[in-house]
C-alpha atoms as a PDB file:
ATOM      1  CA  MET A   1     -16.563 -50.865 112.212  1.00  0.00           C
ATOM      2  CA  TYR A   2     -19.167 -52.358 109.849  1.00  0.00           C
ATOM      3  CA  GLN A   3     -21.166 -54.190 112.503  1.00  0.00           C
ATOM      4  CA  ASP A   4     -24.176 -51.839 112.441  1.00  0.00           C
ATOM      5  CA  PRO A   5     -26.705 -53.077 109.858  1.00  0.00           C
ATOM      6  CA  GLU A   6     -28.440 -49.688 109.632  1.00  0.00           C
ATOM      7  CA  PHE A   7     -25.116 -48.020 108.883  1.00  0.00           C
ATOM      8  CA  MET A   8     -24.370 -50.572 106.173  1.00  0.00           C
ATOM      9  CA  LEU A   9     -27.836 -50.079 104.688  1.00  0.00           C
ATOM     10  CA  THR A  10     -27.296 -46.322 104.661  1.00  0.00           C
ATOM     11  CA  LEU A  11     -23.938 -46.770 102.923  1.00  0.00           C
ATOM     12  CA  ALA A  12     -25.519 -49.061 100.337  1.00  0.00           C
ATOM     13  CA  HIS A  13     -28.318 -46.584  99.672  1.00  0.00           C
ATOM     14  CA  ASP A  14     -25.847 -43.712  99.359  1.00  0.00           C
ATOM     15  CA  HIS A  15     -23.789 -45.759  96.917  1.00  0.00           C
ATOM     16  CA  GLN A  16     -26.886 -46.629  94.871  1.00  0.00           C
ATOM     17  CA  ARG A  17     -27.910 -42.974  94.857  1.00  0.00           C
ATOM     18  CA  ASP A  18     -24.440 -42.014  93.593  1.00  0.00           C
ATOM     19  CA  LEU A  19     -24.601 -44.636  90.837  1.00  0.00           C
ATOM     20  CA  ILE A  20     -28.042 -43.441  89.745  1.00  0.00           C
ATOM     21  CA  ALA A  21     -26.916 -39.800  89.747  1.00  0.00           C
ATOM     22  CA  GLN A  22     -23.872 -40.677  87.620  1.00  0.00           C
ATOM     23  CA  ALA A  23     -26.051 -42.602  85.157  1.00  0.00           C
ATOM     24  CA  ASP A  24     -28.452 -39.651  84.973  1.00  0.00           C
ATOM     25  CA  ARG A  25     -25.574 -37.253  84.225  1.00  0.00           C
ATOM     26  CA  THR A  26     -24.256 -39.602  81.531  1.00  0.00           C
ATOM     27  CA  ARG A  27     -27.687 -39.896  79.891  1.00  0.00           C
ATOM     28  CA  LEU A  28     -28.218 -36.137  80.026  1.00  0.00           C
ATOM     29  CA  PHE A  29     -24.789 -35.464  78.517  1.00  0.00           C
ATOM     30  CA  SER A  30     -25.473 -37.994  75.751  1.00  0.00           C
ATOM     31  CA  ARG A  31     -28.849 -36.417  75.011  1.00  0.00           C
ATOM     32  CA  ILE A  32     -27.340 -32.928  74.833  1.00  0.00           C
ATOM     33  CA  THR A  33     -24.478 -34.111  72.628  1.00  0.00           C
ATOM     34  CA  ARG A  34     -26.893 -35.912  70.295  1.00  0.00           C
ATOM     35  CA  ALA A  35     -29.146 -32.850  70.061  1.00  0.00           C
ATOM     36  CA  ARG A  36     -26.182 -30.592  69.249  1.00  0.00           C
ATOM     37  CA  ARG A  37     -24.981 -33.035  66.605  1.00  0.00           C
ATOM     38  CA  GLU A  38     -28.433 -33.157  65.015  1.00  0.00           C
ATOM     39  CA  ARG A  39     -28.686 -29.365  65.078  1.00  0.00           C
ATOM     40  CA  ARG A  40     -25.348 -29.054  63.252  1.00  0.00           C
ATOM     41  CA  GLY A  41     -26.386 -31.694  60.775  1.00  0.00           C
ATOM     42  CA  SER A  42     -25.312 -35.288  60.669  1.00  0.00           C
ATOM     43  CA  HIS A  43     -22.904 -34.644  57.786  1.00  0.00           C
ATOM     44  CA  ALA A  44     -20.926 -31.975  59.691  1.00  0.00           C
ATOM     45  CA  ARG A  45     -17.643 -33.142  61.193  1.00  0.00           C
ATOM     46  CA  SER A  46     -16.209 -31.849  64.421  1.00  0.00           C
ATOM     47  CA  THR A  47     -13.028 -29.778  64.184  1.00  0.00           C
ATOM     48  CA  ARG A  48     -12.076 -30.584  67.772  1.00  0.00           C
ATOM     49  CA  GLY A  49     -10.287 -33.796  66.951  1.00  0.00           C
ATOM     50  CA  PRO A  50     -11.200 -37.431  67.410  1.00  0.00           C
ATOM     51  CA  SER A  51     -13.868 -38.285  69.930  1.00  0.00           C
ATOM     52  CA  ASN A  52     -13.092 -41.251  72.168  1.00  0.00           C
END
């Protein structure tokens, strides 16, 4: 099944693309969360419970 080198290269590229997209989403989410926190003020505490 995995004898075709071009197919394996395509799978590897797709996997890398997925990893990069996930990292981009994580960075964007962190940036948005940080900006919201700064807008509320660093001394304000969340009422939504503990953040893990």
